[in-house]
Amino acid sequence: MRWKEGDEMDASVPAEIVTVYRALDGGIHHARCGQRMVLRTRGTEELHFACLTCVESVRLPLCVLSRIPVAT
């Protein structure tokens, strides 16, 4: 299925966040390696984090911050 102009995304179905998690200290950690991520830039609609261990980056829309899973 291809995305066509005018199509709308169904916002009632939340996507699971699997790339990062929130540690008990409140920091954002990379799910792949468990290391704390570094905030690189902040845009008007998203945050850009970097993992210095894996040399990967993750962009998180501001609207999903409250849904980031917390480590137990």
PDB file of N, CA and C in Angstrom:
ATOM      1  N   MET A   1       0.842  -1.178   0.000  1.00  0.00           N
ATOM      2  CA  MET A   1       0.000   0.000   0.000  1.00  0.00           C
ATOM      3  C   MET A   1       0.883   1.236   0.000  1.00  0.00           C
ATOM      4  N   ARG A   2       0.619   2.139  -0.876  1.00  0.00           N
ATOM      5  CA  ARG A   2       1.400   3.372  -0.974  1.00  0.00           C
ATOM      6  C   ARG A   2       0.649   4.513  -0.330  1.00  0.00           C
ATOM      7  N   TRP A   3       1.407   5.415   0.246  1.00  0.00           N
ATOM      8  CA  TRP A   3       0.833   6.616   0.857  1.00  0.00           C
ATOM      9  C   TRP A   3       0.480   7.581  -0.260  1.00  0.00           C
ATOM     10  N   LYS A   4      -0.759   8.034  -0.292  1.00  0.00           N
ATOM     11  CA  LYS A   4      -1.199   8.976  -1.316  1.00  0.00           C
ATOM     12  C   LYS A   4      -1.470  10.323  -0.672  1.00  0.00           C
ATOM     13  N   GLU A   5      -1.264  11.377  -1.434  1.00  0.00           N
ATOM     14  CA  GLU A   5      -1.541  12.707  -0.919  1.00  0.00           C
ATOM     15  C   GLU A   5      -3.006  12.787  -0.516  1.00  0.00           C
ATOM     16  N   GLY A   6      -3.254  13.317   0.648  1.00  0.00           N
ATOM     17  CA  GLY A   6      -4.613  13.404   1.155  1.00  0.00           C
ATOM     18  C   GLY A   6      -4.971  12.277   2.107  1.00  0.00           C
ATOM     19  N   ASP A   7      -4.175  11.185   2.106  1.00  0.00           N
ATOM     20  CA  ASP A   7      -4.408  10.096   3.051  1.00  0.00           C
ATOM     21  C   ASP A   7      -4.107  10.585   4.459  1.00  0.00           C
ATOM     22  N   GLU A   8      -4.821  10.062   5.420  1.00  0.00           N
ATOM     23  CA  GLU A   8      -4.587  10.432   6.806  1.00  0.00           C
ATOM     24  C   GLU A   8      -4.180   9.207   7.598  1.00  0.00           C
ATOM     25  N   MET A   9      -3.317   9.422   8.562  1.00  0.00           N
ATOM     26  CA  MET A   9      -2.873   8.349   9.433  1.00  0.00           C
ATOM     27  C   MET A   9      -3.892   8.182  10.555  1.00  0.00           C
ATOM     28  N   ASP A  10      -4.177   6.960  10.931  1.00  0.00           N
ATOM     29  CA  ASP A  10      -5.110   6.699  12.018  1.00  0.00           C
ATOM     30  C   ASP A  10      -4.400   6.930  13.346  1.00  0.00           C
ATOM     31  N   ALA A  11      -4.647   8.076  13.962  1.00  0.00           N
ATOM     32  CA  ALA A  11      -3.974   8.443  15.214  1.00  0.00           C
ATOM     33  C   ALA A  11      -4.538   7.694  16.414  1.00  0.00           C
ATOM     34  N   SER A  12      -5.621   6.957  16.237  1.00  0.00           N
ATOM     35  CA  SER A  12      -6.207   6.235  17.363  1.00  0.00           C
ATOM     36  C   SER A  12      -5.440   4.955  17.678  1.00  0.00           C
ATOM     37  N   VAL A  13      -4.521   4.555  16.813  1.00  0.00           N
ATOM     38  CA  VAL A  13      -3.730   3.349  17.022  1.00  0.00           C
ATOM     39  C   VAL A  13      -2.305   3.769  17.390  1.00  0.00           C
ATOM     40  N   PRO A  14      -1.977   3.746  18.687  1.00  0.00           N
ATOM     41  CA  PRO A  14      -0.643   4.192  19.088  1.00  0.00           C
ATOM     42  C   PRO A  14       0.430   3.181  18.690  1.00  0.00           C
ATOM     43  N   ALA A  15       1.530   3.673  18.173  1.00  0.00           N
ATOM     44  CA  ALA A  15       2.656   2.809  17.821  1.00  0.00           C
ATOM     45  C   ALA A  15       3.495   2.564  19.069  1.00  0.00           C
ATOM     46  N   GLU A  16       3.971   1.339  19.214  1.00  0.00           N
ATOM     47  CA  GLU A  16       4.808   0.997  20.359  1.00  0.00           C
ATOM     48  C   GLU A  16       6.209   1.564  20.147  1.00  0.00           C
ATOM     49  N   ILE A  17       6.785   2.133  21.185  1.00  0.00           N
ATOM     50  CA  ILE A  17       8.132   2.695  21.111  1.00  0.00           C
ATOM     51  C   ILE A  17       9.110   1.627  21.569  1.00  0.00           C
ATOM     52  N   VAL A  18       9.980   1.195  20.661  1.00  0.00           N
ATOM     53  CA  VAL A  18      10.913   0.112  20.978  1.00  0.00           C
ATOM     54  C   VAL A  18      12.375   0.519  20.840  1.00  0.00           C
ATOM     55  N   THR A  19      12.651   1.721  20.370  1.00  0.00           N
ATOM     56  CA  THR A  19      14.036   2.143  20.157  1.00  0.00           C
ATOM     57  C   THR A  19      14.683   2.706  21.406  1.00  0.00           C
ATOM     58  N   VAL A  20      13.880   3.244  22.309  1.00  0.00           N
ATOM     59  CA  VAL A  20      14.414   3.846  23.534  1.00  0.00           C
ATOM     60  C   VAL A  20      13.526   3.476  24.714  1.00  0.00           C
ATOM     61  N   TYR A  21      14.052   3.690  25.917  1.00  0.00           N
ATOM     62  CA  TYR A  21      13.255   3.562  27.132  1.00  0.00           C
ATOM     63  C   TYR A  21      13.733   4.600  28.128  1.00  0.00           C
ATOM     64  N   ARG A  22      12.893   4.897  29.101  1.00  0.00           N
ATOM     65  CA  ARG A  22      13.242   5.854  30.145  1.00  0.00           C
ATOM     66  C   ARG A  22      13.738   5.071  31.353  1.00  0.00           C
ATOM     67  N   ALA A  23      14.951   5.372  31.796  1.00  0.00           N
ATOM     68  CA  ALA A  23      15.520   4.702  32.965  1.00  0.00           C
ATOM     69  C   ALA A  23      14.900   5.282  34.233  1.00  0.00           C
ATOM     70  N   LEU A  24      15.135   4.622  35.344  1.00  0.00           N
ATOM     71  CA  LEU A  24      14.573   5.077  36.616  1.00  0.00           C
ATOM     72  C   LEU A  24      15.096   6.449  37.013  1.00  0.00           C
ATOM     73  N   ASP A  25      16.274   6.841  36.497  1.00  0.00           N
ATOM     74  CA  ASP A  25      16.810   8.173  36.791  1.00  0.00           C
ATOM     75  C   ASP A  25      16.218   9.251  35.886  1.00  0.00           C
ATOM     76  N   GLY A  26      15.322   8.863  34.979  1.00  0.00           N
ATOM     77  CA  GLY A  26      14.663   9.815  34.093  1.00  0.00           C
ATOM     78  C   GLY A  26      15.342   9.992  32.751  1.00  0.00           C
ATOM     79  N   GLY A  27      16.536   9.424  32.577  1.00  0.00           N
ATOM     80  CA  GLY A  27      17.268   9.557  31.318  1.00  0.00           C
ATOM     81  C   GLY A  27      16.700   8.664  30.228  1.00  0.00           C
ATOM     82  N   ILE A  28      16.920   9.070  28.989  1.00  0.00           N
ATOM     83  CA  ILE A  28      16.511   8.286  27.826  1.00  0.00           C
ATOM     84  C   ILE A  28      17.673   7.365  27.461  1.00  0.00           C
ATOM     85  N   HIS A  29      17.398   6.057  27.379  1.00  0.00           N
ATOM     86  CA  HIS A  29      18.434   5.069  27.085  1.00  0.00           C
ATOM     87  C   HIS A  29      18.115   4.335  25.788  1.00  0.00           C
ATOM     88  N   HIS A  30      19.156   3.933  25.081  1.00  0.00           N
ATOM     89  CA  HIS A  30      19.026   3.207  23.822  1.00  0.00           C
ATOM     90  C   HIS A  30      18.653   1.758  24.126  1.00  0.00           C
ATOM     91  N   ALA A  31      17.594   1.271  23.539  1.00  0.00           N
ATOM     92  CA  ALA A  31      17.131  -0.089  23.817  1.00  0.00           C
ATOM     93  C   ALA A  31      18.109  -1.144  23.313  1.00  0.00           C
ATOM     94  N   ARG A  32      18.844  -0.858  22.256  1.00  0.00           N
ATOM     95  CA  ARG A  32      19.763  -1.845  21.682  1.00  0.00           C
ATOM     96  C   ARG A  32      20.929  -2.146  22.620  1.00  0.00           C
ATOM     97  N   CYS A  33      21.556  -1.104  23.194  1.00  0.00           N
ATOM     98  CA  CYS A  33      22.761  -1.322  24.000  1.00  0.00           C
ATOM     99  C   CYS A  33      22.586  -0.953  25.472  1.00  0.00           C
ATOM    100  N   GLY A  34      21.500  -0.269  25.816  1.00  0.00           N
ATOM    101  CA  GLY A  34      21.247   0.101  27.201  1.00  0.00           C
ATOM    102  C   GLY A  34      21.963   1.356  27.669  1.00  0.00           C
ATOM    103  N   GLN A  35      22.707   2.010  26.781  1.00  0.00           N
ATOM    104  CA  GLN A  35      23.449   3.208  27.166  1.00  0.00           C
ATOM    105  C   GLN A  35      22.561   4.449  27.122  1.00  0.00           C
ATOM    106  N   ARG A  36      22.900   5.403  27.980  1.00  0.00           N
ATOM    107  CA  ARG A  36      22.168   6.665  28.008  1.00  0.00           C
ATOM    108  C   ARG A  36      22.402   7.416  26.698  1.00  0.00           C
ATOM    109  N   MET A  37      21.334   7.993  26.158  1.00  0.00           N
ATOM    110  CA  MET A  37      21.438   8.736  24.906  1.00  0.00           C
ATOM    111  C   MET A  37      21.668  10.214  25.197  1.00  0.00           C
ATOM    112  N   VAL A  38      22.303  10.880  24.246  1.00  0.00           N
ATOM    113  CA  VAL A  38      22.636  12.294  24.369  1.00  0.00           C
ATOM    114  C   VAL A  38      21.692  13.092  23.476  1.00  0.00           C
ATOM    115  N   LEU A  39      21.102  14.146  24.031  1.00  0.00           N
ATOM    116  CA  LEU A  39      20.246  15.020  23.232  1.00  0.00           C
ATOM    117  C   LEU A  39      21.136  15.866  22.331  1.00  0.00           C
ATOM    118  N   ARG A  40      20.935  15.741  21.020  1.00  0.00           N
ATOM    119  CA  ARG A  40      21.768  16.482  20.058  1.00  0.00           C
ATOM    120  C   ARG A  40      21.112  17.792  19.650  1.00  0.00           C
ATOM    121  N   THR A  41      19.856  17.719  19.221  1.00  0.00           N
ATOM    122  CA  THR A  41      19.147  18.929  18.802  1.00  0.00           C
ATOM    123  C   THR A  41      17.687  18.822  19.189  1.00  0.00           C
ATOM    124  N   ARG A  42      17.063  19.980  19.285  1.00  0.00           N
ATOM    125  CA  ARG A  42      15.637  20.038  19.572  1.00  0.00           C
ATOM    126  C   ARG A  42      14.977  20.869  18.493  1.00  0.00           C
ATOM    127  N   GLY A  43      14.045  20.263  17.794  1.00  0.00           N
ATOM    128  CA  GLY A  43      13.287  20.978  16.775  1.00  0.00           C
ATOM    129  C   GLY A  43      11.942  21.397  17.339  1.00  0.00           C
ATOM    130  N   THR A  44      11.129  21.984  16.510  1.00  0.00           N
ATOM    131  CA  THR A  44       9.813  22.420  16.967  1.00  0.00           C
ATOM    132  C   THR A  44       8.869  21.254  17.197  1.00  0.00           C
ATOM    133  N   GLU A  45       9.150  20.104  16.546  1.00  0.00           N
ATOM    134  CA  GLU A  45       8.247  18.963  16.664  1.00  0.00           C
ATOM    135  C   GLU A  45       8.917  17.677  17.105  1.00  0.00           C
ATOM    136  N   GLU A  46      10.248  17.676  17.229  1.00  0.00           N
ATOM    137  CA  GLU A  46      10.928  16.439  17.606  1.00  0.00           C
ATOM    138  C   GLU A  46      12.250  16.711  18.309  1.00  0.00           C
ATOM    139  N   LEU A  47      12.699  15.682  19.032  1.00  0.00           N
ATOM    140  CA  LEU A  47      14.008  15.702  19.678  1.00  0.00           C
ATOM    141  C   LEU A  47      14.902  14.710  18.953  1.00  0.00           C
ATOM    142  N   HIS A  48      16.161  15.064  18.791  1.00  0.00           N
ATOM    143  CA  HIS A  48      17.113  14.197  18.102  1.00  0.00           C
ATOM    144  C   HIS A  48      18.146  13.737  19.121  1.00  0.00           C
ATOM    145  N   PHE A  49      18.137  12.428  19.421  1.00  0.00           N
ATOM    146  CA  PHE A  49      19.063  11.831  20.374  1.00  0.00           C
ATOM    147  C   PHE A  49      20.127  11.041  19.630  1.00  0.00           C
ATOM    148  N   ALA A  50      21.302  10.910  20.248  1.00  0.00           N
ATOM    149  CA  ALA A  50      22.385  10.113  19.675  1.00  0.00           C
ATOM    150  C   ALA A  50      22.894   9.138  20.717  1.00  0.00           C
ATOM    151  N   CYS A  51      23.219   7.933  20.261  1.00  0.00           N
ATOM    152  CA  CYS A  51      23.858   6.931  21.111  1.00  0.00           C
ATOM    153  C   CYS A  51      25.339   6.943  20.762  1.00  0.00           C
ATOM    154  N   LEU A  52      26.178   7.333  21.711  1.00  0.00           N
ATOM    155  CA  LEU A  52      27.612   7.426  21.455  1.00  0.00           C
ATOM    156  C   LEU A  52      28.271   6.054  21.388  1.00  0.00           C
ATOM    157  N   THR A  53      27.621   5.025  21.944  1.00  0.00           N
ATOM    158  CA  THR A  53      28.165   3.670  21.904  1.00  0.00           C
ATOM    159  C   THR A  53      27.930   3.018  20.544  1.00  0.00           C
ATOM    160  N   CYS A  54      26.697   3.066  20.068  1.00  0.00           N
ATOM    161  CA  CYS A  54      26.328   2.428  18.795  1.00  0.00           C
ATOM    162  C   CYS A  54      26.502   3.352  17.591  1.00  0.00           C
ATOM    163  N   VAL A  55      26.733   4.615  17.847  1.00  0.00           N
ATOM    164  CA  VAL A  55      26.824   5.632  16.800  1.00  0.00           C
ATOM    165  C   VAL A  55      25.543   5.628  15.956  1.00  0.00           C
ATOM    166  N   GLU A  56      24.406   5.591  16.641  1.00  0.00           N
ATOM    167  CA  GLU A  56      23.103   5.649  15.983  1.00  0.00           C
ATOM    168  C   GLU A  56      22.356   6.862  16.509  1.00  0.00           C
ATOM    169  N   SER A  57      21.383   7.298  15.742  1.00  0.00           N
ATOM    170  CA  SER A  57      20.562   8.407  16.195  1.00  0.00           C
ATOM    171  C   SER A  57      19.097   8.011  16.168  1.00  0.00           C
ATOM    172  N   VAL A  58      18.333   8.661  17.033  1.00  0.00           N
ATOM    173  CA  VAL A  58      16.903   8.407  17.138  1.00  0.00           C
ATOM    174  C   VAL A  58      16.202   9.754  17.206  1.00  0.00           C
ATOM    175  N   ARG A  59      15.202   9.926  16.385  1.00  0.00           N
ATOM    176  CA  ARG A  59      14.389  11.147  16.417  1.00  0.00           C
ATOM    177  C   ARG A  59      13.044  10.785  17.031  1.00  0.00           C
ATOM    178  N   LEU A  60      12.679  11.538  18.053  1.00  0.00           N
ATOM    179  CA  LEU A  60      11.424  11.279  18.749  1.00  0.00           C
ATOM    180  C   LEU A  60      10.504  12.488  18.636  1.00  0.00           C
ATOM    181  N   PRO A  61       9.316  12.304  18.082  1.00  0.00           N
ATOM    182  CA  PRO A  61       8.349  13.396  18.079  1.00  0.00           C
ATOM    183  C   PRO A  61       7.988  13.768  19.519  1.00  0.00           C
ATOM    184  N   LEU A  62       7.786  15.049  19.770  1.00  0.00           N
ATOM    185  CA  LEU A  62       7.457  15.503  21.119  1.00  0.00           C
ATOM    186  C   LEU A  62       6.182  14.847  21.647  1.00  0.00           C
ATOM    187  N   CYS A  63       5.264  14.515  20.748  1.00  0.00           N
ATOM    188  CA  CYS A  63       3.985  13.949  21.178  1.00  0.00           C
ATOM    189  C   CYS A  63       4.111  12.536  21.744  1.00  0.00           C
ATOM    190  N   VAL A  64       5.249  11.852  21.561  1.00  0.00           N
ATOM    191  CA  VAL A  64       5.391  10.487  22.079  1.00  0.00           C
ATOM    192  C   VAL A  64       6.180  10.423  23.386  1.00  0.00           C
ATOM    193  N   LEU A  65       6.702  11.540  23.859  1.00  0.00           N
ATOM    194  CA  LEU A  65       7.549  11.516  25.053  1.00  0.00           C
ATOM    195  C   LEU A  65       6.847  10.903  26.260  1.00  0.00           C
ATOM    196  N   SER A  66       5.577  11.153  26.410  1.00  0.00           N
ATOM    197  CA  SER A  66       4.846  10.605  27.560  1.00  0.00           C
ATOM    198  C   SER A  66       4.598   9.105  27.423  1.00  0.00           C
ATOM    199  N   ARG A  67       4.803   8.541  26.234  1.00  0.00           N
ATOM    200  CA  ARG A  67       4.561   7.110  26.003  1.00  0.00           C
ATOM    201  C   ARG A  67       5.830   6.273  26.011  1.00  0.00           C
ATOM    202  N   ILE A  68       6.981   6.886  26.265  1.00  0.00           N
ATOM    203  CA  ILE A  68       8.228   6.120  26.298  1.00  0.00           C
ATOM    204  C   ILE A  68       8.164   5.156  27.475  1.00  0.00           C
ATOM    205  N   PRO A  69       8.411   3.870  27.240  1.00  0.00           N
ATOM    206  CA  PRO A  69       8.329   2.896  28.335  1.00  0.00           C
ATOM    207  C   PRO A  69       9.399   3.156  29.397  1.00  0.00           C
ATOM    208  N   VAL A  70       9.035   2.875  30.645  1.00  0.00           N
ATOM    209  CA  VAL A  70       9.942   3.064  31.780  1.00  0.00           C
ATOM    210  C   VAL A  70      10.519   1.713  32.176  1.00  0.00           C
ATOM    211  N   ALA A  71      11.834   1.675  32.372  1.00  0.00           N
ATOM    212  CA  ALA A  71      12.496   0.440  32.809  1.00  0.00           C
ATOM    213  C   ALA A  71      12.026   0.084  34.209  1.00  0.00           C
ATOM    214  N   THR A  72      11.906  -1.198  34.468  1.00  0.00           N
ATOM    215  CA  THR A  72      11.489  -1.635  35.809  1.00  0.00           C
ATOM    216  C   THR A  72      12.567  -2.449  36.466  1.00  0.00           C
TER     217      THR A  72
END
